[in-house]
């Protein structure tokens, strides 16, 4: 809503100062946010499980829906909720329209992101854009995510499924109430004022 109001003010300002000969449309980025959280099961070693289905077109305001020309992701962040002194390691898998899944997000240390790291590290969001050593991606999963985002303009029925698999463990029993959240930040290009 704020973006629409700002665009309206900008267009009115341009029309009142002699710039009323806008002959071409322009592209406006529309922010998209996919933000699933996965609960950690309590016990001696807590497993991170959960499945989230997301229809990317549902993330776009209806007034922009018919004008989307393309989309892309620009960052993925991981955050932990709740206090625990142990470690975490995991993977988030992605599939397109119920097809085969591929690893998208790798959470952990080491060159392959498969070494457990302190759970508390993720109290501060760790992100790809921030070049965190504890978050990585896999090319197959990135290709699926990119494909889904690019289908926003052509296939409103496109959906992705995000499934988490991981472990939280340490010397103390894993308490209830812990969760790990991911945030996929993306943008879609809306073409406005096309003649």
N, C-alpha and C. Protein backbone atom coordinates (compact mmCIF):
# COMPACT_ATOMS: atom_id res chain seq x y z
N UNK A 1 0.82 -1.18 0.00
CA UNK A 1 0.00 0.00 0.00
C UNK A 1 0.87 1.25 0.00
N UNK A 2 1.95 1.25 0.80
CA UNK A 2 2.83 2.41 0.85
C UNK A 2 3.49 2.64 -0.50
N UNK A 3 3.85 1.55 -1.16
CA UNK A 3 4.50 1.68 -2.47
C UNK A 3 3.55 2.29 -3.49
N UNK A 4 2.28 1.89 -3.44
CA UNK A 4 1.30 2.44 -4.38
C UNK A 4 1.09 3.93 -4.14
N UNK A 5 1.01 4.31 -2.87
CA UNK A 5 0.81 5.72 -2.52
C UNK A 5 2.01 6.54 -2.98
N UNK A 6 3.22 6.02 -2.76
CA UNK A 6 4.42 6.71 -3.19
C UNK A 6 4.45 6.86 -4.71
N UNK A 7 4.07 5.82 -5.43
CA UNK A 7 4.03 5.89 -6.89
C UNK A 7 3.02 6.93 -7.37
N UNK A 8 1.88 6.98 -6.72
CA UNK A 8 0.85 7.95 -7.09
C UNK A 8 1.36 9.36 -6.87
N UNK A 9 1.99 9.61 -5.73
CA UNK A 9 2.54 10.94 -5.44
C UNK A 9 3.61 11.29 -6.46
N UNK A 10 4.47 10.34 -6.80
CA UNK A 10 5.52 10.57 -7.78
C UNK A 10 4.93 10.90 -9.15
N UNK A 11 3.93 10.18 -9.59
CA UNK A 11 3.30 10.46 -10.89
C UNK A 11 2.63 11.82 -10.91
N UNK A 12 1.92 12.17 -9.84
CA UNK A 12 1.26 13.49 -9.76
C UNK A 12 2.32 14.58 -9.80
N UNK A 13 3.41 14.40 -9.06
CA UNK A 13 4.47 15.41 -9.05
C UNK A 13 5.08 15.57 -10.43
N UNK A 14 5.27 14.48 -11.13
CA UNK A 14 5.85 14.56 -12.47
C UNK A 14 4.90 15.25 -13.45
N UNK A 15 3.62 15.02 -13.29
CA UNK A 15 2.64 15.61 -14.20
C UNK A 15 2.47 17.10 -13.95
N UNK A 16 2.67 17.56 -12.74
CA UNK A 16 2.47 18.97 -12.43
C UNK A 16 3.70 19.81 -12.69
N UNK A 17 4.84 19.20 -12.96
CA UNK A 17 6.03 20.01 -13.23
C UNK A 17 6.46 19.94 -14.70
N UNK A 18 5.56 19.61 -15.58
CA UNK A 18 5.86 19.60 -17.00
C UNK A 18 6.38 18.27 -17.52
N UNK A 19 6.35 17.26 -16.71
CA UNK A 19 6.85 15.95 -17.13
C UNK A 19 5.71 15.02 -17.49
N UNK A 20 4.68 15.54 -18.08
CA UNK A 20 3.50 14.72 -18.35
C UNK A 20 3.60 13.90 -19.62
N UNK A 21 4.73 13.90 -20.25
CA UNK A 21 4.86 13.13 -21.49
C UNK A 21 5.58 11.81 -21.24
N UNK A 22 5.10 11.06 -20.25
CA UNK A 22 5.66 9.75 -19.98
C UNK A 22 5.09 8.80 -21.02
N UNK A 23 5.95 8.34 -21.92
CA UNK A 23 5.50 7.49 -23.00
C UNK A 23 5.79 6.02 -22.77
N UNK A 24 6.67 5.74 -21.85
CA UNK A 24 7.04 4.36 -21.60
C UNK A 24 6.71 3.98 -20.17
N UNK A 25 6.50 2.69 -19.99
CA UNK A 25 6.27 2.19 -18.64
C UNK A 25 7.56 2.14 -17.85
N UNK A 26 7.45 1.80 -16.60
CA UNK A 26 8.64 1.66 -15.77
C UNK A 26 8.46 0.46 -14.86
N UNK A 27 9.58 -0.02 -14.37
CA UNK A 27 9.61 -1.22 -13.54
C UNK A 27 9.72 -0.82 -12.07
N UNK A 28 8.89 -1.43 -11.25
CA UNK A 28 8.92 -1.20 -9.81
C UNK A 28 9.19 -2.53 -9.13
N UNK A 29 10.22 -2.61 -8.27
CA UNK A 29 10.46 -3.87 -7.55
C UNK A 29 9.45 -4.04 -6.42
N UNK A 30 8.88 -5.24 -6.33
CA UNK A 30 7.92 -5.57 -5.28
C UNK A 30 8.59 -6.61 -4.38
N UNK A 31 8.72 -6.28 -3.10
CA UNK A 31 9.39 -7.19 -2.17
C UNK A 31 8.51 -8.39 -1.84
N UNK A 32 9.13 -9.57 -1.82
CA UNK A 32 8.47 -10.82 -1.46
C UNK A 32 9.25 -11.44 -0.31
N UNK A 33 8.54 -12.05 0.62
CA UNK A 33 9.20 -12.65 1.78
C UNK A 33 8.57 -14.01 2.07
N UNK A 34 9.39 -15.04 2.00
CA UNK A 34 8.96 -16.40 2.36
C UNK A 34 9.63 -16.70 3.70
N UNK A 35 8.82 -16.97 4.73
CA UNK A 35 9.37 -17.00 6.09
C UNK A 35 8.83 -18.18 6.91
N UNK A 36 9.17 -19.42 6.57
CA UNK A 36 8.71 -20.54 7.39
C UNK A 36 9.57 -20.72 8.65
N UNK A 37 8.93 -21.19 9.71
CA UNK A 37 9.63 -21.55 10.94
C UNK A 37 9.40 -23.03 11.20
N UNK A 38 10.42 -23.69 11.70
CA UNK A 38 10.37 -25.13 11.96
C UNK A 38 10.63 -25.39 13.44
N UNK A 39 9.71 -26.09 14.08
CA UNK A 39 9.86 -26.40 15.50
C UNK A 39 10.94 -27.45 15.71
N UNK A 40 11.59 -27.36 16.86
CA UNK A 40 12.60 -28.34 17.27
C UNK A 40 11.94 -29.24 18.30
N UNK A 41 11.95 -30.54 18.06
CA UNK A 41 11.38 -31.49 19.02
C UNK A 41 12.29 -31.58 20.23
N UNK A 42 11.69 -31.59 21.42
CA UNK A 42 12.48 -31.68 22.65
C UNK A 42 12.92 -33.12 22.88
N UNK A 43 13.95 -33.29 23.71
CA UNK A 43 14.45 -34.62 24.04
C UNK A 43 15.96 -34.61 24.11
N UNK A 44 16.57 -35.79 24.20
CA UNK A 44 18.04 -35.86 24.27
C UNK A 44 18.71 -35.22 23.05
N UNK A 45 18.17 -35.45 21.87
CA UNK A 45 18.61 -34.80 20.64
C UNK A 45 17.35 -34.36 19.92
N UNK A 46 17.18 -33.07 19.76
CA UNK A 46 15.96 -32.55 19.13
C UNK A 46 16.07 -32.54 17.63
N UNK A 47 15.06 -33.07 16.97
CA UNK A 47 15.06 -33.03 15.51
C UNK A 47 14.31 -31.79 15.03
N UNK A 48 14.76 -31.25 13.94
CA UNK A 48 14.09 -30.13 13.29
C UNK A 48 13.33 -30.73 12.12
N UNK A 49 12.03 -30.62 12.16
CA UNK A 49 11.22 -31.15 11.07
C UNK A 49 10.12 -30.16 10.73
N UNK A 50 9.56 -30.32 9.58
CA UNK A 50 8.43 -29.49 9.17
C UNK A 50 8.42 -29.31 7.67
N UNK A 51 7.23 -29.08 7.16
CA UNK A 51 7.04 -28.85 5.73
C UNK A 51 6.17 -27.62 5.56
N UNK A 52 6.56 -26.76 4.65
CA UNK A 52 5.82 -25.54 4.35
C UNK A 52 5.61 -25.47 2.84
N UNK A 53 4.36 -25.26 2.42
CA UNK A 53 4.06 -25.09 1.01
C UNK A 53 3.77 -23.61 0.76
N UNK A 54 4.41 -23.05 -0.25
CA UNK A 54 4.28 -21.62 -0.54
C UNK A 54 3.91 -21.43 -2.01
N UNK A 55 2.86 -20.65 -2.26
CA UNK A 55 2.49 -20.24 -3.61
C UNK A 55 3.04 -18.82 -3.79
N UNK A 56 4.11 -18.64 -4.55
CA UNK A 56 4.71 -17.31 -4.67
C UNK A 56 3.74 -16.22 -5.11
N UNK A 57 2.75 -16.56 -5.96
CA UNK A 57 1.80 -15.53 -6.39
C UNK A 57 0.98 -14.99 -5.23
N UNK A 58 0.82 -15.77 -4.16
CA UNK A 58 0.04 -15.28 -3.01
C UNK A 58 0.80 -14.21 -2.23
N UNK A 59 2.07 -14.03 -2.52
CA UNK A 59 2.88 -13.03 -1.83
C UNK A 59 2.81 -11.66 -2.49
N UNK A 60 2.14 -11.59 -3.64
CA UNK A 60 2.10 -10.35 -4.42
C UNK A 60 0.73 -9.70 -4.28
N UNK A 61 0.73 -8.39 -4.05
CA UNK A 61 -0.51 -7.61 -3.99
C UNK A 61 -1.27 -7.79 -5.31
N UNK A 62 -2.58 -7.95 -5.21
CA UNK A 62 -3.41 -8.19 -6.40
C UNK A 62 -3.25 -7.12 -7.47
N UNK A 63 -3.00 -5.88 -7.06
CA UNK A 63 -2.90 -4.79 -8.04
C UNK A 63 -1.64 -4.93 -8.92
N UNK A 64 -0.66 -5.69 -8.48
CA UNK A 64 0.55 -5.90 -9.27
C UNK A 64 0.53 -7.24 -10.02
N UNK A 65 -0.36 -8.14 -9.66
CA UNK A 65 -0.33 -9.52 -10.14
C UNK A 65 -0.26 -9.65 -11.66
N UNK A 66 -1.01 -8.86 -12.39
CA UNK A 66 -1.03 -8.98 -13.85
C UNK A 66 0.14 -8.29 -14.53
N UNK A 67 0.97 -7.61 -13.75
CA UNK A 67 2.06 -6.83 -14.33
C UNK A 67 3.45 -7.35 -13.99
N UNK A 68 3.54 -8.53 -13.40
CA UNK A 68 4.83 -9.08 -13.01
C UNK A 68 5.58 -9.58 -14.25
N UNK A 69 6.82 -9.17 -14.37
CA UNK A 69 7.64 -9.54 -15.53
C UNK A 69 8.75 -10.53 -15.19
N UNK A 70 9.11 -10.66 -13.94
CA UNK A 70 10.17 -11.57 -13.53
C UNK A 70 10.41 -11.42 -12.04
N UNK A 71 11.19 -12.33 -11.48
CA UNK A 71 11.48 -12.26 -10.05
C UNK A 71 12.81 -12.94 -9.78
N UNK A 72 13.36 -12.66 -8.60
CA UNK A 72 14.64 -13.23 -8.20
C UNK A 72 14.74 -13.21 -6.68
N UNK A 73 15.54 -14.09 -6.12
CA UNK A 73 15.82 -14.02 -4.69
C UNK A 73 17.15 -13.30 -4.52
N UNK A 74 17.31 -12.61 -3.40
CA UNK A 74 18.58 -11.93 -3.19
C UNK A 74 19.24 -12.26 -1.85
N UNK A 75 18.53 -12.92 -0.95
CA UNK A 75 19.16 -13.33 0.30
C UNK A 75 18.33 -14.42 0.96
N UNK A 76 19.00 -15.24 1.75
CA UNK A 76 18.34 -16.21 2.62
C UNK A 76 18.98 -16.06 3.99
N UNK A 77 18.13 -15.94 5.03
CA UNK A 77 18.60 -15.76 6.39
C UNK A 77 18.10 -16.90 7.26
N UNK A 78 18.86 -17.23 8.30
CA UNK A 78 18.49 -18.27 9.26
C UNK A 78 18.55 -17.66 10.66
N UNK A 79 17.50 -17.91 11.45
CA UNK A 79 17.43 -17.40 12.81
C UNK A 79 16.96 -18.52 13.73
N UNK A 80 17.53 -18.57 14.95
CA UNK A 80 17.05 -19.53 15.95
C UNK A 80 16.27 -18.78 17.03
N UNK A 81 15.24 -19.44 17.56
CA UNK A 81 14.41 -18.86 18.61
C UNK A 81 14.44 -19.75 19.82
N UNK A 82 14.57 -19.15 20.99
CA UNK A 82 14.66 -19.91 22.23
C UNK A 82 16.10 -20.08 22.65
N UNK A 83 16.30 -20.39 23.91
CA UNK A 83 17.64 -20.50 24.47
C UNK A 83 18.05 -21.95 24.65
N UNK A 84 19.23 -22.29 24.14
CA UNK A 84 19.78 -23.62 24.31
C UNK A 84 21.29 -23.54 24.16
N UNK A 85 22.02 -24.30 24.96
CA UNK A 85 23.49 -24.24 24.95
C UNK A 85 24.13 -25.23 23.98
N UNK A 86 23.34 -25.98 23.25
CA UNK A 86 23.88 -27.00 22.35
C UNK A 86 24.16 -26.49 20.95
N UNK A 87 24.19 -27.42 20.01
CA UNK A 87 24.56 -27.14 18.62
C UNK A 87 23.42 -27.46 17.66
N UNK A 88 23.55 -26.96 16.44
CA UNK A 88 22.55 -27.20 15.41
C UNK A 88 23.24 -27.47 14.07
N UNK A 89 22.62 -28.34 13.28
CA UNK A 89 23.04 -28.59 11.91
C UNK A 89 21.79 -29.04 11.14
N UNK A 90 21.66 -28.64 9.88
CA UNK A 90 20.46 -29.04 9.15
C UNK A 90 20.48 -28.65 7.69
N UNK A 91 19.42 -29.06 7.01
CA UNK A 91 19.22 -28.79 5.59
C UNK A 91 17.77 -28.43 5.37
N UNK A 92 17.51 -27.47 4.48
CA UNK A 92 16.14 -27.20 4.02
C UNK A 92 16.09 -27.59 2.55
N UNK A 93 15.18 -28.52 2.26
CA UNK A 93 15.01 -29.03 0.89
C UNK A 93 13.88 -28.26 0.22
N UNK A 94 13.93 -28.15 -1.10
CA UNK A 94 12.89 -27.47 -1.86
C UNK A 94 12.46 -28.36 -3.03
N UNK A 95 11.16 -28.33 -3.32
CA UNK A 95 10.66 -29.00 -4.52
C UNK A 95 9.69 -28.06 -5.23
N UNK A 96 9.53 -28.26 -6.52
CA UNK A 96 8.66 -27.42 -7.35
C UNK A 96 7.46 -28.24 -7.79
N UNK A 97 6.27 -27.77 -7.45
CA UNK A 97 5.00 -28.38 -7.87
C UNK A 97 4.95 -29.88 -7.56
N UNK A 98 5.46 -30.27 -6.39
CA UNK A 98 5.41 -31.66 -5.96
C UNK A 98 6.45 -32.57 -6.59
N UNK A 99 7.38 -32.00 -7.33
CA UNK A 99 8.42 -32.79 -7.99
C UNK A 99 9.51 -33.22 -7.02
N UNK A 100 10.60 -33.76 -7.55
CA UNK A 100 11.70 -34.20 -6.69
C UNK A 100 12.30 -33.02 -5.93
N UNK A 101 12.74 -33.30 -4.70
CA UNK A 101 13.31 -32.22 -3.91
C UNK A 101 14.84 -32.22 -4.00
N UNK A 102 15.38 -31.03 -3.80
CA UNK A 102 16.82 -30.81 -3.82
C UNK A 102 17.18 -30.00 -2.57
N UNK A 103 18.40 -30.16 -2.04
CA UNK A 103 18.81 -29.30 -0.94
C UNK A 103 18.88 -27.85 -1.42
N UNK A 104 18.30 -26.95 -0.66
CA UNK A 104 18.37 -25.51 -0.96
C UNK A 104 19.33 -24.82 -0.01
N UNK A 105 19.07 -25.00 1.29
CA UNK A 105 19.81 -24.27 2.31
C UNK A 105 20.55 -25.24 3.22
N UNK A 106 21.83 -24.99 3.42
CA UNK A 106 22.67 -25.82 4.27
C UNK A 106 23.03 -24.99 5.50
N UNK A 107 22.74 -25.54 6.68
CA UNK A 107 22.98 -24.82 7.93
C UNK A 107 24.00 -25.60 8.75
N UNK A 108 25.15 -25.01 8.97
CA UNK A 108 26.21 -25.65 9.74
C UNK A 108 27.55 -25.08 9.35
N UNK A 109 28.60 -25.57 9.99
CA UNK A 109 29.94 -25.08 9.73
C UNK A 109 30.70 -25.99 8.78
N UNK A 110 31.93 -25.65 8.54
CA UNK A 110 32.78 -26.43 7.65
C UNK A 110 32.55 -26.09 6.20
N UNK A 111 33.38 -26.64 5.33
CA UNK A 111 33.29 -26.32 3.91
C UNK A 111 31.99 -26.82 3.27
N UNK A 112 31.40 -27.89 3.81
CA UNK A 112 30.14 -28.42 3.28
C UNK A 112 28.94 -28.06 4.15
N UNK A 113 29.15 -27.22 5.15
CA UNK A 113 28.08 -26.79 6.06
C UNK A 113 27.39 -27.97 6.73
N UNK A 114 28.15 -29.01 7.06
CA UNK A 114 27.55 -30.19 7.70
C UNK A 114 28.12 -30.47 9.09
N UNK A 115 28.80 -29.47 9.65
CA UNK A 115 29.34 -29.58 11.01
C UNK A 115 28.48 -28.75 11.95
N UNK A 116 28.03 -29.36 13.05
CA UNK A 116 27.18 -28.66 14.01
C UNK A 116 27.88 -27.42 14.56
N UNK A 117 27.12 -26.35 14.69
CA UNK A 117 27.63 -25.08 15.25
C UNK A 117 26.71 -24.65 16.39
N UNK A 118 27.17 -23.77 17.28
CA UNK A 118 26.33 -23.36 18.42
C UNK A 118 24.97 -22.80 17.98
N UNK A 119 23.93 -23.33 18.61
CA UNK A 119 22.55 -22.88 18.35
C UNK A 119 22.43 -21.37 18.54
N UNK A 120 23.09 -20.84 19.57
CA UNK A 120 23.01 -19.41 19.89
C UNK A 120 23.57 -18.52 18.80
N UNK A 121 24.42 -19.08 17.92
CA UNK A 121 24.97 -18.31 16.80
C UNK A 121 23.86 -17.70 15.96
N UNK A 122 22.75 -18.42 15.86
CA UNK A 122 21.65 -18.00 14.97
C UNK A 122 20.65 -17.07 15.66
N UNK A 123 20.94 -16.66 16.92
CA UNK A 123 20.09 -15.63 17.55
C UNK A 123 20.25 -14.32 16.78
N UNK A 124 21.43 -14.11 16.21
CA UNK A 124 21.64 -13.03 15.27
C UNK A 124 21.47 -13.65 13.89
N UNK A 125 20.56 -13.12 13.07
CA UNK A 125 20.33 -13.76 11.76
C UNK A 125 21.63 -13.94 10.98
N UNK A 126 21.81 -15.15 10.48
CA UNK A 126 22.95 -15.48 9.62
C UNK A 126 22.43 -15.49 8.19
N UNK A 127 23.14 -14.82 7.28
CA UNK A 127 22.60 -14.70 5.92
C UNK A 127 23.65 -14.93 4.86
N UNK A 128 23.17 -15.24 3.66
CA UNK A 128 24.04 -15.38 2.50
C UNK A 128 24.65 -14.03 2.14
N UNK A 129 23.82 -13.00 2.17
CA UNK A 129 24.26 -11.66 1.80
C UNK A 129 25.30 -11.15 2.79
N UNK A 130 25.15 -11.54 4.05
CA UNK A 130 26.12 -11.16 5.07
C UNK A 130 27.33 -12.07 5.08
N UNK A 131 27.46 -12.95 4.13
CA UNK A 131 28.54 -13.92 3.97
C UNK A 131 28.83 -14.71 5.24
N UNK A 132 27.77 -15.21 5.86
CA UNK A 132 27.92 -16.04 7.05
C UNK A 132 28.62 -17.35 6.68
N UNK A 133 29.56 -17.79 7.50
CA UNK A 133 30.20 -19.08 7.24
C UNK A 133 29.33 -20.27 7.64
N UNK A 134 28.15 -20.00 8.22
CA UNK A 134 27.28 -21.07 8.72
C UNK A 134 26.05 -21.31 7.85
N UNK A 135 25.96 -20.61 6.71
CA UNK A 135 24.80 -20.75 5.82
C UNK A 135 25.32 -20.89 4.40
N UNK A 136 24.82 -21.89 3.69
CA UNK A 136 25.21 -22.08 2.30
C UNK A 136 24.03 -22.57 1.48
N UNK A 137 24.18 -22.57 0.18
CA UNK A 137 23.13 -23.06 -0.71
C UNK A 137 23.68 -24.18 -1.59
N UNK A 138 22.76 -24.89 -2.20
CA UNK A 138 23.11 -25.95 -3.14
C UNK A 138 22.56 -25.56 -4.51
N UNK A 139 23.34 -25.72 -5.58
CA UNK A 139 22.91 -25.27 -6.91
C UNK A 139 21.56 -25.85 -7.36
N UNK A 140 21.29 -27.13 -7.07
CA UNK A 140 20.02 -27.72 -7.49
C UNK A 140 18.82 -27.05 -6.83
N UNK A 141 18.92 -26.77 -5.56
CA UNK A 141 17.85 -26.10 -4.84
C UNK A 141 17.66 -24.66 -5.29
N UNK A 142 18.77 -23.98 -5.55
CA UNK A 142 18.69 -22.60 -6.03
C UNK A 142 18.00 -22.57 -7.39
N UNK A 143 18.28 -23.54 -8.24
CA UNK A 143 17.64 -23.61 -9.56
C UNK A 143 16.13 -23.79 -9.43
N UNK A 144 15.69 -24.61 -8.48
CA UNK A 144 14.26 -24.82 -8.27
C UNK A 144 13.61 -23.54 -7.75
N UNK A 145 14.23 -22.89 -6.77
CA UNK A 145 13.68 -21.64 -6.23
C UNK A 145 13.59 -20.57 -7.32
N UNK A 146 14.65 -20.43 -8.10
CA UNK A 146 14.67 -19.45 -9.19
C UNK A 146 13.59 -19.74 -10.22
N UNK A 147 13.41 -21.01 -10.56
CA UNK A 147 12.38 -21.40 -11.52
C UNK A 147 10.99 -21.04 -10.99
N UNK A 148 10.74 -21.31 -9.73
CA UNK A 148 9.44 -20.99 -9.14
C UNK A 148 9.18 -19.49 -9.17
N UNK A 149 10.18 -18.70 -8.82
CA UNK A 149 10.01 -17.24 -8.83
C UNK A 149 9.78 -16.73 -10.24
N UNK A 150 10.46 -17.31 -11.22
CA UNK A 150 10.28 -16.86 -12.60
C UNK A 150 8.94 -17.28 -13.19
N UNK A 151 8.27 -18.24 -12.57
CA UNK A 151 6.96 -18.66 -13.06
C UNK A 151 5.81 -17.82 -12.48
N UNK A 152 6.12 -16.88 -11.61
CA UNK A 152 5.07 -16.03 -11.03
C UNK A 152 4.25 -15.36 -12.11
N UNK A 153 4.93 -14.88 -13.15
CA UNK A 153 4.25 -14.14 -14.21
C UNK A 153 3.43 -15.04 -15.14
N UNK A 154 3.76 -16.32 -15.21
CA UNK A 154 3.12 -17.17 -16.21
C UNK A 154 2.26 -18.30 -15.64
N UNK A 155 2.44 -18.66 -14.38
CA UNK A 155 1.72 -19.80 -13.83
C UNK A 155 1.36 -19.55 -12.37
N UNK A 156 0.15 -19.07 -12.13
CA UNK A 156 -0.27 -18.72 -10.77
C UNK A 156 -0.40 -19.95 -9.87
N UNK A 157 -0.43 -21.14 -10.45
CA UNK A 157 -0.56 -22.36 -9.66
C UNK A 157 0.77 -22.93 -9.19
N UNK A 158 1.88 -22.29 -9.56
CA UNK A 158 3.20 -22.76 -9.16
C UNK A 158 3.35 -22.69 -7.65
N UNK A 159 3.90 -23.75 -7.07
CA UNK A 159 4.18 -23.73 -5.64
C UNK A 159 5.49 -24.43 -5.35
N UNK A 160 6.08 -24.05 -4.22
CA UNK A 160 7.28 -24.73 -3.75
C UNK A 160 6.97 -25.33 -2.39
N UNK A 161 7.63 -26.42 -2.10
CA UNK A 161 7.54 -27.05 -0.79
C UNK A 161 8.92 -26.97 -0.16
N UNK A 162 8.96 -26.46 1.07
CA UNK A 162 10.20 -26.35 1.82
C UNK A 162 10.14 -27.31 2.99
N UNK A 163 11.07 -28.25 3.05
CA UNK A 163 11.08 -29.26 4.12
C UNK A 163 12.40 -29.17 4.87
N UNK A 164 12.29 -29.06 6.20
CA UNK A 164 13.49 -28.96 7.04
C UNK A 164 13.84 -30.33 7.62
N UNK A 165 15.13 -30.58 7.73
CA UNK A 165 15.64 -31.79 8.37
C UNK A 165 16.93 -31.40 9.07
N UNK A 166 16.97 -31.59 10.39
CA UNK A 166 18.17 -31.22 11.11
C UNK A 166 18.14 -31.73 12.53
N UNK A 167 19.19 -31.40 13.28
CA UNK A 167 19.33 -31.86 14.65
C UNK A 167 19.85 -30.73 15.53
N UNK A 168 19.29 -30.64 16.71
CA UNK A 168 19.81 -29.77 17.76
C UNK A 168 20.21 -30.69 18.89
N UNK A 169 21.46 -30.62 19.34
CA UNK A 169 21.92 -31.54 20.38
C UNK A 169 23.03 -30.91 21.21
N UNK A 170 23.25 -31.49 22.36
CA UNK A 170 24.31 -31.02 23.26
C UNK A 170 24.33 -31.87 24.51
N UNK A 171 25.02 -31.39 25.54
CA UNK A 171 25.10 -32.15 26.78
C UNK A 171 23.80 -32.08 27.58
N UNK A 172 23.05 -31.02 27.42
CA UNK A 172 21.77 -30.87 28.12
C UNK A 172 20.63 -31.33 27.22
N UNK A 173 19.53 -31.77 27.84
CA UNK A 173 18.33 -32.16 27.08
C UNK A 173 17.79 -30.95 26.33
N UNK A 174 17.34 -31.16 25.12
CA UNK A 174 16.78 -30.08 24.31
C UNK A 174 15.41 -29.71 24.88
N UNK A 175 15.22 -28.44 25.28
CA UNK A 175 13.94 -28.03 25.86
C UNK A 175 12.87 -27.83 24.79
N UNK A 176 11.64 -27.76 25.19
CA UNK A 176 10.55 -27.45 24.25
C UNK A 176 10.55 -25.94 23.98
N UNK A 177 9.92 -25.56 22.90
CA UNK A 177 9.78 -24.15 22.56
C UNK A 177 10.85 -23.59 21.65
N UNK A 178 11.78 -24.43 21.19
CA UNK A 178 12.80 -23.95 20.26
C UNK A 178 12.28 -24.03 18.82
N UNK A 179 12.77 -23.12 17.98
CA UNK A 179 12.45 -23.19 16.55
C UNK A 179 13.57 -22.56 15.74
N UNK A 180 13.63 -22.96 14.50
CA UNK A 180 14.59 -22.39 13.54
C UNK A 180 13.77 -21.84 12.38
N UNK A 181 14.01 -20.57 12.05
CA UNK A 181 13.25 -19.90 10.98
C UNK A 181 14.18 -19.53 9.84
N UNK A 182 13.67 -19.65 8.64
CA UNK A 182 14.41 -19.16 7.48
C UNK A 182 13.59 -18.04 6.85
N UNK A 183 14.29 -17.12 6.24
CA UNK A 183 13.64 -16.03 5.53
C UNK A 183 14.27 -15.95 4.15
N UNK A 184 13.46 -16.17 3.13
CA UNK A 184 13.91 -16.01 1.75
C UNK A 184 13.42 -14.64 1.30
N UNK A 185 14.35 -13.76 0.99
CA UNK A 185 14.01 -12.42 0.54
C UNK A 185 14.13 -12.38 -0.98
N UNK A 186 13.07 -11.94 -1.63
CA UNK A 186 13.03 -11.91 -3.09
C UNK A 186 12.37 -10.62 -3.57
N UNK A 187 12.49 -10.36 -4.84
CA UNK A 187 11.82 -9.22 -5.46
C UNK A 187 11.22 -9.65 -6.79
N UNK A 188 10.04 -9.12 -7.06
CA UNK A 188 9.40 -9.31 -8.35
C UNK A 188 9.37 -7.97 -9.06
N UNK A 189 9.50 -7.97 -10.38
CA UNK A 189 9.46 -6.74 -11.15
C UNK A 189 8.06 -6.52 -11.69
N UNK A 190 7.44 -5.41 -11.28
CA UNK A 190 6.12 -5.04 -11.78
C UNK A 190 6.29 -3.93 -12.80
N UNK A 191 5.73 -4.12 -13.98
CA UNK A 191 5.79 -3.12 -15.04
C UNK A 191 4.55 -2.25 -14.92
N UNK A 192 4.75 -0.95 -14.75
CA UNK A 192 3.62 -0.03 -14.57
C UNK A 192 3.58 0.99 -15.69
N UNK A 193 2.40 1.52 -15.92
CA UNK A 193 2.16 2.59 -16.88
C UNK A 193 2.57 2.23 -18.29
N UNK A 194 2.29 0.98 -18.67
CA UNK A 194 2.59 0.58 -20.05
C UNK A 194 1.56 1.17 -21.00
N UNK A 195 2.03 1.76 -22.11
CA UNK A 195 1.07 2.35 -23.08
C UNK A 195 0.32 1.29 -23.84
